[in-house]
Amino acid sequence: PTAQWGHPMCGPASVRGLVAGDPAGT
């Protein structure tokens, strides 16, 4: 998930969605 921390549109919620494989998101 590392690249997310360098982008202003990303943060804890988006990293959580990625790690969880949230089916509601991409």
mmCIF file of all heavy atoms, coordinates in Angstrom:
data_MODEL
# 
_entry.id   MODEL 
# 
loop_
_atom_site.group_PDB 
_atom_site.id 
_atom_site.type_symbol 
_atom_site.label_atom_id 
_atom_site.label_alt_id 
_atom_site.label_comp_id 
_atom_site.label_asym_id 
_atom_site.label_entity_id 
_atom_site.label_seq_id 
_atom_site.pdbx_PDB_ins_code 
_atom_site.Cartn_x 
_atom_site.Cartn_y 
_atom_site.Cartn_z 
_atom_site.occupancy 
_atom_site.B_iso_or_equiv 
_atom_site.pdbx_formal_charge 
_atom_site.auth_seq_id 
_atom_site.auth_comp_id 
_atom_site.auth_asym_id 
_atom_site.auth_atom_id 
_atom_site.pdbx_PDB_model_num 
ATOM 1   N N   . PRO A 1 1  ? 0.800   -1.229 0.000  1.00 0.00 ? 1  PRO A N   1 
ATOM 2   C CA  . PRO A 1 1  ? 0.000   0.000  0.000  1.00 0.00 ? 1  PRO A CA  1 
ATOM 3   C C   . PRO A 1 1  ? 0.833   1.279  0.000  1.00 0.00 ? 1  PRO A C   1 
ATOM 4   O O   . PRO A 1 1  ? 0.277   2.369  -0.021 1.00 0.00 ? 1  PRO A O   1 
ATOM 5   C CB  . PRO A 1 1  ? -0.788  -0.115 1.303  1.00 0.00 ? 1  PRO A CB  1 
ATOM 6   C CG  . PRO A 1 1  ? 0.151   -0.821 2.228  1.00 0.00 ? 1  PRO A CG  1 
ATOM 7   C CD  . PRO A 1 1  ? 0.933   -1.790 1.359  1.00 0.00 ? 1  PRO A CD  1 
ATOM 8   N N   . THR A 1 2  ? 2.150   1.157  0.004  1.00 0.00 ? 2  THR A N   1 
ATOM 9   C CA  . THR A 1 2  ? 3.055   2.271  0.313  1.00 0.00 ? 2  THR A CA  1 
ATOM 10  C C   . THR A 1 2  ? 2.819   3.519  -0.521 1.00 0.00 ? 2  THR A C   1 
ATOM 11  O O   . THR A 1 2  ? 2.875   4.647  -0.003 1.00 0.00 ? 2  THR A O   1 
ATOM 12  C CB  . THR A 1 2  ? 4.511   1.806  0.163  1.00 0.00 ? 2  THR A CB  1 
ATOM 13  O OG1 . THR A 1 2  ? 4.718   0.643  0.963  1.00 0.00 ? 2  THR A OG1 1 
ATOM 14  C CG2 . THR A 1 2  ? 5.488   2.889  0.580  1.00 0.00 ? 2  THR A CG2 1 
ATOM 15  N N   . ALA A 1 3  ? 2.561   3.371  -1.819 1.00 0.00 ? 3  ALA A N   1 
ATOM 16  C CA  . ALA A 1 3  ? 2.405   4.549  -2.684 1.00 0.00 ? 3  ALA A CA  1 
ATOM 17  C C   . ALA A 1 3  ? 1.283   5.463  -2.217 1.00 0.00 ? 3  ALA A C   1 
ATOM 18  O O   . ALA A 1 3  ? 1.323   6.681  -2.462 1.00 0.00 ? 3  ALA A O   1 
ATOM 19  C CB  . ALA A 1 3  ? 2.148   4.109  -4.124 1.00 0.00 ? 3  ALA A CB  1 
ATOM 20  N N   . GLN A 1 4  ? 0.290   4.897  -1.542 1.00 0.00 ? 4  GLN A N   1 
ATOM 21  C CA  . GLN A 1 4  ? -0.840  5.722  -1.086 1.00 0.00 ? 4  GLN A CA  1 
ATOM 22  C C   . GLN A 1 4  ? -0.403  6.827  -0.135 1.00 0.00 ? 4  GLN A C   1 
ATOM 23  O O   . GLN A 1 4  ? -0.947  7.941  -0.160 1.00 0.00 ? 4  GLN A O   1 
ATOM 24  C CB  . GLN A 1 4  ? -1.896  4.849  -0.411 1.00 0.00 ? 4  GLN A CB  1 
ATOM 25  C CG  . GLN A 1 4  ? -2.676  3.960  -1.354 1.00 0.00 ? 4  GLN A CG  1 
ATOM 26  C CD  . GLN A 1 4  ? -4.060  3.643  -0.792 1.00 0.00 ? 4  GLN A CD  1 
ATOM 27  O OE1 . GLN A 1 4  ? -4.659  4.444  -0.082 1.00 0.00 ? 4  GLN A OE1 1 
ATOM 28  N NE2 . GLN A 1 4  ? -4.563  2.467  -1.120 1.00 0.00 ? 4  GLN A NE2 1 
ATOM 29  N N   . TRP A 1 5  ? 0.589   6.547  0.710  1.00 0.00 ? 5  TRP A N   1 
ATOM 30  C CA  . TRP A 1 5  ? 0.987   7.542  1.717  1.00 0.00 ? 5  TRP A CA  1 
ATOM 31  C C   . TRP A 1 5  ? 1.604   8.785  1.072  1.00 0.00 ? 5  TRP A C   1 
ATOM 32  O O   . TRP A 1 5  ? 1.614   9.849  1.696  1.00 0.00 ? 5  TRP A O   1 
ATOM 33  C CB  . TRP A 1 5  ? 1.985   6.921  2.697  1.00 0.00 ? 5  TRP A CB  1 
ATOM 34  C CG  . TRP A 1 5  ? 1.468   5.714  3.398  1.00 0.00 ? 5  TRP A CG  1 
ATOM 35  C CD1 . TRP A 1 5  ? 1.989   4.451  3.360  1.00 0.00 ? 5  TRP A CD1 1 
ATOM 36  C CD2 . TRP A 1 5  ? 0.316   5.626  4.247  1.00 0.00 ? 5  TRP A CD2 1 
ATOM 37  N NE1 . TRP A 1 5  ? 1.257   3.587  4.124  1.00 0.00 ? 5  TRP A NE1 1 
ATOM 38  C CE2 . TRP A 1 5  ? 0.215   4.277  4.686  1.00 0.00 ? 5  TRP A CE2 1 
ATOM 39  C CE3 . TRP A 1 5  ? -0.642  6.542  4.670  1.00 0.00 ? 5  TRP A CE3 1 
ATOM 40  C CZ2 . TRP A 1 5  ? -0.806  3.845  5.523  1.00 0.00 ? 5  TRP A CZ2 1 
ATOM 41  C CZ3 . TRP A 1 5  ? -1.662  6.106  5.519  1.00 0.00 ? 5  TRP A CZ3 1 
ATOM 42  C CH2 . TRP A 1 5  ? -1.735  4.780  5.929  1.00 0.00 ? 5  TRP A CH2 1 
ATOM 43  N N   . GLY A 1 6  ? 2.066   8.679  -0.167 1.00 0.00 ? 6  GLY A N   1 
ATOM 44  C CA  . GLY A 1 6  ? 2.675   9.824  -0.821 1.00 0.00 ? 6  GLY A CA  1 
ATOM 45  C C   . GLY A 1 6  ? 1.716   10.673 -1.625 1.00 0.00 ? 6  GLY A C   1 
ATOM 46  O O   . GLY A 1 6  ? 2.139   11.665 -2.227 1.00 0.00 ? 6  GLY A O   1 
ATOM 47  N N   . HIS A 1 7  ? 0.436   10.309 -1.646 1.00 0.00 ? 7  HIS A N   1 
ATOM 48  C CA  . HIS A 1 7  ? -0.527  11.026 -2.486 1.00 0.00 ? 7  HIS A CA  1 
ATOM 49  C C   . HIS A 1 7  ? -1.574  11.719 -1.624 1.00 0.00 ? 7  HIS A C   1 
ATOM 50  O O   . HIS A 1 7  ? -2.147  11.107 -0.710 1.00 0.00 ? 7  HIS A O   1 
ATOM 51  C CB  . HIS A 1 7  ? -1.213  10.058 -3.446 1.00 0.00 ? 7  HIS A CB  1 
ATOM 52  C CG  . HIS A 1 7  ? -1.880  10.720 -4.602 1.00 0.00 ? 7  HIS A CG  1 
ATOM 53  N ND1 . HIS A 1 7  ? -3.048  11.435 -4.470 1.00 0.00 ? 7  HIS A ND1 1 
ATOM 54  C CD2 . HIS A 1 7  ? -1.542  10.796 -5.908 1.00 0.00 ? 7  HIS A CD2 1 
ATOM 55  C CE1 . HIS A 1 7  ? -3.406  11.911 -5.643 1.00 0.00 ? 7  HIS A CE1 1 
ATOM 56  N NE2 . HIS A 1 7  ? -2.513  11.551 -6.541 1.00 0.00 ? 7  HIS A NE2 1 
ATOM 57  N N   . PRO A 1 8  ? -1.879  12.984 -1.883 1.00 0.00 ? 8  PRO A N   1 
ATOM 58  C CA  . PRO A 1 8  ? -2.815  13.728 -1.019 1.00 0.00 ? 8  PRO A CA  1 
ATOM 59  C C   . PRO A 1 8  ? -4.250  13.218 -1.044 1.00 0.00 ? 8  PRO A C   1 
ATOM 60  O O   . PRO A 1 8  ? -5.029  13.530 -0.142 1.00 0.00 ? 8  PRO A O   1 
ATOM 61  C CB  . PRO A 1 8  ? -2.743  15.163 -1.567 1.00 0.00 ? 8  PRO A CB  1 
ATOM 62  C CG  . PRO A 1 8  ? -2.241  15.023 -2.966 1.00 0.00 ? 8  PRO A CG  1 
ATOM 63  C CD  . PRO A 1 8  ? -1.322  13.842 -2.948 1.00 0.00 ? 8  PRO A CD  1 
ATOM 64  N N   . MET A 1 9  ? -4.625  12.427 -2.052 1.00 0.00 ? 9  MET A N   1 
ATOM 65  C CA  . MET A 1 9  ? -5.992  11.919 -2.112 1.00 0.00 ? 9  MET A CA  1 
ATOM 66  C C   . MET A 1 9  ? -6.163  10.597 -1.359 1.00 0.00 ? 9  MET A C   1 
ATOM 67  O O   . MET A 1 9  ? -7.271  10.071 -1.282 1.00 0.00 ? 9  MET A O   1 
ATOM 68  C CB  . MET A 1 9  ? -6.410  11.737 -3.575 1.00 0.00 ? 9  MET A CB  1 
ATOM 69  C CG  . MET A 1 9  ? -6.536  13.030 -4.358 1.00 0.00 ? 9  MET A CG  1 
ATOM 70  S SD  . MET A 1 9  ? -7.029  12.757 -6.083 1.00 0.00 ? 9  MET A SD  1 
ATOM 71  C CE  . MET A 1 9  ? -8.679  12.065 -5.853 1.00 0.00 ? 9  MET A CE  1 
ATOM 72  N N   . CYS A 1 10 ? -5.066  10.085 -0.812 1.00 0.00 ? 10 CYS A N   1 
ATOM 73  C CA  . CYS A 1 10 ? -5.122  8.789  -0.118 1.00 0.00 ? 10 CYS A CA  1 
ATOM 74  C C   . CYS A 1 10 ? -4.875  8.988  1.375  1.00 0.00 ? 10 CYS A C   1 
ATOM 75  O O   . CYS A 1 10 ? -4.404  10.030 1.816  1.00 0.00 ? 10 CYS A O   1 
ATOM 76  C CB  . CYS A 1 10 ? -4.074  7.841  -0.689 1.00 0.00 ? 10 CYS A CB  1 
ATOM 77  S SG  . CYS A 1 10 ? -4.222  7.543  -2.459 1.00 0.00 ? 10 CYS A SG  1 
ATOM 78  N N   . GLY A 1 11 ? -5.202  7.950  2.149  1.00 0.00 ? 11 GLY A N   1 
ATOM 79  C CA  . GLY A 1 11 ? -5.008  8.037  3.585  1.00 0.00 ? 11 GLY A CA  1 
ATOM 80  C C   . GLY A 1 11 ? -5.447  6.767  4.278  1.00 0.00 ? 11 GLY A C   1 
ATOM 81  O O   . GLY A 1 11 ? -5.636  5.724  3.632  1.00 0.00 ? 11 GLY A O   1 
ATOM 82  N N   . PRO A 1 12 ? -5.637  6.794  5.589  1.00 0.00 ? 12 PRO A N   1 
ATOM 83  C CA  . PRO A 1 12 ? -5.959  5.592  6.347  1.00 0.00 ? 12 PRO A CA  1 
ATOM 84  C C   . PRO A 1 12 ? -7.180  4.836  5.836  1.00 0.00 ? 12 PRO A C   1 
ATOM 85  O O   . PRO A 1 12 ? -7.184  3.603  5.806  1.00 0.00 ? 12 PRO A O   1 
ATOM 86  C CB  . PRO A 1 12 ? -6.181  6.117  7.767  1.00 0.00 ? 12 PRO A CB  1 
ATOM 87  C CG  . PRO A 1 12 ? -5.346  7.347  7.842  1.00 0.00 ? 12 PRO A CG  1 
ATOM 88  C CD  . PRO A 1 12 ? -5.432  7.967  6.483  1.00 0.00 ? 12 PRO A CD  1 
ATOM 89  N N   . ALA A 1 13 ? -8.226  5.554  5.431  1.00 0.00 ? 13 ALA A N   1 
ATOM 90  C CA  . ALA A 1 13 ? -9.449  4.880  4.990  1.00 0.00 ? 13 ALA A CA  1 
ATOM 91  C C   . ALA A 1 13 ? -9.208  4.134  3.676  1.00 0.00 ? 13 ALA A C   1 
ATOM 92  O O   . ALA A 1 13 ? -9.686  3.003  3.496  1.00 0.00 ? 13 ALA A O   1 
ATOM 93  C CB  . ALA A 1 13 ? -10.588 5.882  4.829  1.00 0.00 ? 13 ALA A CB  1 
ATOM 94  N N   . SER A 1 14 ? -8.478  4.750  2.746  1.00 0.00 ? 14 SER A N   1 
ATOM 95  C CA  . SER A 1 14 ? -8.238  4.077  1.470  1.00 0.00 ? 14 SER A CA  1 
ATOM 96  C C   . SER A 1 14 ? -7.280  2.899  1.632  1.00 0.00 ? 14 SER A C   1 
ATOM 97  O O   . SER A 1 14 ? -7.440  1.867  0.969  1.00 0.00 ? 14 SER A O   1 
ATOM 98  C CB  . SER A 1 14 ? -7.708  5.068  0.429  1.00 0.00 ? 14 SER A CB  1 
ATOM 99  O OG  . SER A 1 14 ? -6.497  5.657  0.842  1.00 0.00 ? 14 SER A OG  1 
ATOM 100 N N   . VAL A 1 15 ? -6.313  3.020  2.521  1.00 0.00 ? 15 VAL A N   1 
ATOM 101 C CA  . VAL A 1 15 ? -5.412  1.892  2.774  1.00 0.00 ? 15 VAL A CA  1 
ATOM 102 C C   . VAL A 1 15 ? -6.191  0.743  3.396  1.00 0.00 ? 15 VAL A C   1 
ATOM 103 O O   . VAL A 1 15 ? -5.999  -0.423 3.044  1.00 0.00 ? 15 VAL A O   1 
ATOM 104 C CB  . VAL A 1 15 ? -4.234  2.320  3.675  1.00 0.00 ? 15 VAL A CB  1 
ATOM 105 C CG1 . VAL A 1 15 ? -3.439  1.107  4.134  1.00 0.00 ? 15 VAL A CG1 1 
ATOM 106 C CG2 . VAL A 1 15 ? -3.318  3.280  2.926  1.00 0.00 ? 15 VAL A CG2 1 
ATOM 107 N N   . ARG A 1 16 ? -7.099  1.075  4.297  1.00 0.00 ? 16 ARG A N   1 
ATOM 108 C CA  . ARG A 1 16 ? -7.923  0.032  4.919  1.00 0.00 ? 16 ARG A CA  1 
ATOM 109 C C   . ARG A 1 16 ? -8.764  -0.679 3.864  1.00 0.00 ? 16 ARG A C   1 
ATOM 110 O O   . ARG A 1 16 ? -8.879  -1.911 3.857  1.00 0.00 ? 16 ARG A O   1 
ATOM 111 C CB  . ARG A 1 16 ? -8.823  0.657  5.986  1.00 0.00 ? 16 ARG A CB  1 
ATOM 112 C CG  . ARG A 1 16 ? -9.654  -0.369 6.766  1.00 0.00 ? 16 ARG A CG  1 
ATOM 113 C CD  . ARG A 1 16 ? -11.039 -0.525 6.183  1.00 0.00 ? 16 ARG A CD  1 
ATOM 114 N NE  . ARG A 1 16 ? -11.786 -1.583 6.845  1.00 0.00 ? 16 ARG A NE  1 
ATOM 115 C CZ  . ARG A 1 16 ? -12.834 -2.182 6.322  1.00 0.00 ? 16 ARG A CZ  1 
ATOM 116 N NH1 . ARG A 1 16 ? -13.263 -1.865 5.111  1.00 0.00 ? 16 ARG A NH1 1 
ATOM 117 N NH2 . ARG A 1 16 ? -13.462 -3.127 6.982  1.00 0.00 ? 16 ARG A NH2 1 
ATOM 118 N N   . GLY A 1 17 ? -9.365  0.086  2.935  1.00 0.00 ? 17 GLY A N   1 
ATOM 119 C CA  . GLY A 1 17 ? -10.168 -0.522 1.883  1.00 0.00 ? 17 GLY A CA  1 
ATOM 120 C C   . GLY A 1 17 ? -9.359  -1.451 1.007  1.00 0.00 ? 17 GLY A C   1 
ATOM 121 O O   . GLY A 1 17 ? -9.821  -2.526 0.625  1.00 0.00 ? 17 GLY A O   1 
ATOM 122 N N   . LEU A 1 18 ? -8.134  -1.039 0.686  1.00 0.00 ? 18 LEU A N   1 
ATOM 123 C CA  . LEU A 1 18 ? -7.247  -1.872 -0.114 1.00 0.00 ? 18 LEU A CA  1 
ATOM 124 C C   . LEU A 1 18 ? -6.922  -3.174 0.596  1.00 0.00 ? 18 LEU A C   1 
ATOM 125 O O   . LEU A 1 18 ? -7.051  -4.268 0.023  1.00 0.00 ? 18 LEU A O   1 
ATOM 126 C CB  . LEU A 1 18 ? -5.951  -1.107 -0.401 1.00 0.00 ? 18 LEU A CB  1 
ATOM 127 C CG  . LEU A 1 18 ? -4.804  -1.921 -0.996 1.00 0.00 ? 18 LEU A CG  1 
ATOM 128 C CD1 . LEU A 1 18 ? -5.113  -2.318 -2.425 1.00 0.00 ? 18 LEU A CD1 1 
ATOM 129 C CD2 . LEU A 1 18 ? -3.500  -1.137 -0.915 1.00 0.00 ? 18 LEU A CD2 1 
ATOM 130 N N   . VAL A 1 19 ? -6.477  -3.077 1.824  1.00 0.00 ? 19 VAL A N   1 
ATOM 131 C CA  . VAL A 1 19 ? -6.055  -4.264 2.568  1.00 0.00 ? 19 VAL A CA  1 
ATOM 132 C C   . VAL A 1 19 ? -7.221  -5.220 2.784  1.00 0.00 ? 19 VAL A C   1 
ATOM 133 O O   . VAL A 1 19 ? -7.064  -6.444 2.719  1.00 0.00 ? 19 VAL A O   1 
ATOM 134 C CB  . VAL A 1 19 ? -5.426  -3.837 3.910  1.00 0.00 ? 19 VAL A CB  1 
ATOM 135 C CG1 . VAL A 1 19 ? -5.159  -5.054 4.793  1.00 0.00 ? 19 VAL A CG1 1 
ATOM 136 C CG2 . VAL A 1 19 ? -4.128  -3.065 3.661  1.00 0.00 ? 19 VAL A CG2 1 
ATOM 137 N N   . ALA A 1 20 ? -8.412  -4.662 3.007  1.00 0.00 ? 20 ALA A N   1 
ATOM 138 C CA  . ALA A 1 20 ? -9.599  -5.491 3.255  1.00 0.00 ? 20 ALA A CA  1 
ATOM 139 C C   . ALA A 1 20 ? -10.212 -6.030 1.968  1.00 0.00 ? 20 ALA A C   1 
ATOM 140 O O   . ALA A 1 20 ? -11.090 -6.895 2.017  1.00 0.00 ? 20 ALA A O   1 
ATOM 141 C CB  . ALA A 1 20 ? -10.640 -4.687 4.022  1.00 0.00 ? 20 ALA A CB  1 
ATOM 142 N N   . GLY A 1 21 ? -9.753  -5.532 0.809  1.00 0.00 ? 21 GLY A N   1 
ATOM 143 C CA  . GLY A 1 21 ? -10.374 -5.940 -0.454 1.00 0.00 ? 21 GLY A CA  1 
ATOM 144 C C   . GLY A 1 21 ? -11.832 -5.557 -0.508 1.00 0.00 ? 21 GLY A C   1 
ATOM 145 O O   . GLY A 1 21 ? -12.673 -6.318 -1.007 1.00 0.00 ? 21 GLY A O   1 
ATOM 146 N N   . ASP A 1 22 ? -12.127 -4.361 -0.024 1.00 0.00 ? 22 ASP A N   1 
ATOM 147 C CA  . ASP A 1 22 ? -13.508 -3.883 0.090  1.00 0.00 ? 22 ASP A CA  1 
ATOM 148 C C   . ASP A 1 22 ? -14.257 -4.047 -1.236 1.00 0.00 ? 22 ASP A C   1 
ATOM 149 O O   . ASP A 1 22 ? -13.908 -3.416 -2.236 1.00 0.00 ? 22 ASP A O   1 
ATOM 150 C CB  . ASP A 1 22 ? -13.490 -2.417 0.497  1.00 0.00 ? 22 ASP A CB  1 
ATOM 151 C CG  . ASP A 1 22 ? -14.859 -1.879 0.847  1.00 0.00 ? 22 ASP A CG  1 
ATOM 152 O OD1 . ASP A 1 22 ? -15.859 -2.543 0.512  1.00 0.00 ? 22 ASP A OD1 1 
ATOM 153 O OD2 . ASP A 1 22 ? -14.931 -0.796 1.449  1.00 0.00 ? 22 ASP A OD2 1 
ATOM 154 N N   . PRO A 1 23 ? -15.293 -4.882 -1.278 1.00 0.00 ? 23 PRO A N   1 
ATOM 155 C CA  . PRO A 1 23 ? -16.004 -5.107 -2.545 1.00 0.00 ? 23 PRO A CA  1 
ATOM 156 C C   . PRO A 1 23 ? -16.780 -3.896 -3.033 1.00 0.00 ? 23 PRO A C   1 
ATOM 157 O O   . PRO A 1 23 ? -17.197 -3.855 -4.187 1.00 0.00 ? 23 PRO A O   1 
ATOM 158 C CB  . PRO A 1 23 ? -16.955 -6.259 -2.201 1.00 0.00 ? 23 PRO A CB  1 
ATOM 159 C CG  . PRO A 1 23 ? -17.148 -6.188 -0.725 1.00 0.00 ? 23 PRO A CG  1 
ATOM 160 C CD  . PRO A 1 23 ? -15.839 -5.697 -0.182 1.00 0.00 ? 23 PRO A CD  1 
ATOM 161 N N   . ALA A 1 24 ? -16.960 -2.907 -2.162 1.00 0.00 ? 24 ALA A N   1 
ATOM 162 C CA  . ALA A 1 24 ? -17.678 -1.704 -2.568 1.00 0.00 ? 24 ALA A CA  1 
ATOM 163 C C   . ALA A 1 24 ? -16.788 -0.733 -3.339 1.00 0.00 ? 24 ALA A C   1 
ATOM 164 O O   . ALA A 1 24 ? -17.282 0.226  -3.928 1.00 0.00 ? 24 ALA A O   1 
ATOM 165 C CB  . ALA A 1 24 ? -18.256 -1.004 -1.340 1.00 0.00 ? 24 ALA A CB  1 
ATOM 166 N N   . GLY A 1 25 ? -15.485 -0.965 -3.341 1.00 0.00 ? 25 GLY A N   1 
ATOM 167 C CA  . GLY A 1 25 ? -14.551 -0.072 -4.023 1.00 0.00 ? 25 GLY A CA  1 
ATOM 168 C C   . GLY A 1 25 ? -13.832 -0.777 -5.154 1.00 0.00 ? 25 GLY A C   1 
ATOM 169 O O   . GLY A 1 25 ? -14.105 -1.941 -5.478 1.00 0.00 ? 25 GLY A O   1 
ATOM 170 N N   . THR A 1 26 ? -12.904 -0.069 -5.759 1.00 0.00 ? 26 THR A N   1 
ATOM 171 C CA  . THR A 1 26 ? -12.141 -0.649 -6.874 1.00 0.00 ? 26 THR A CA  1 
ATOM 172 C C   . THR A 1 26 ? -11.164 -1.713 -6.405 1.00 0.00 ? 26 THR A C   1 
ATOM 173 O O   . THR A 1 26 ? -10.585 -2.413 -7.238 1.00 0.00 ? 26 THR A O   1 
ATOM 174 C CB  . THR A 1 26 ? -11.370 0.452  -7.618 1.00 0.00 ? 26 THR A CB  1 
ATOM 175 O OG1 . THR A 1 26 ? -10.484 1.115  -6.703 1.00 0.00 ? 26 THR A OG1 1 
ATOM 176 C CG2 . THR A 1 26 ? -12.335 1.474  -8.209 1.00 0.00 ? 26 THR A CG2 1 
# 
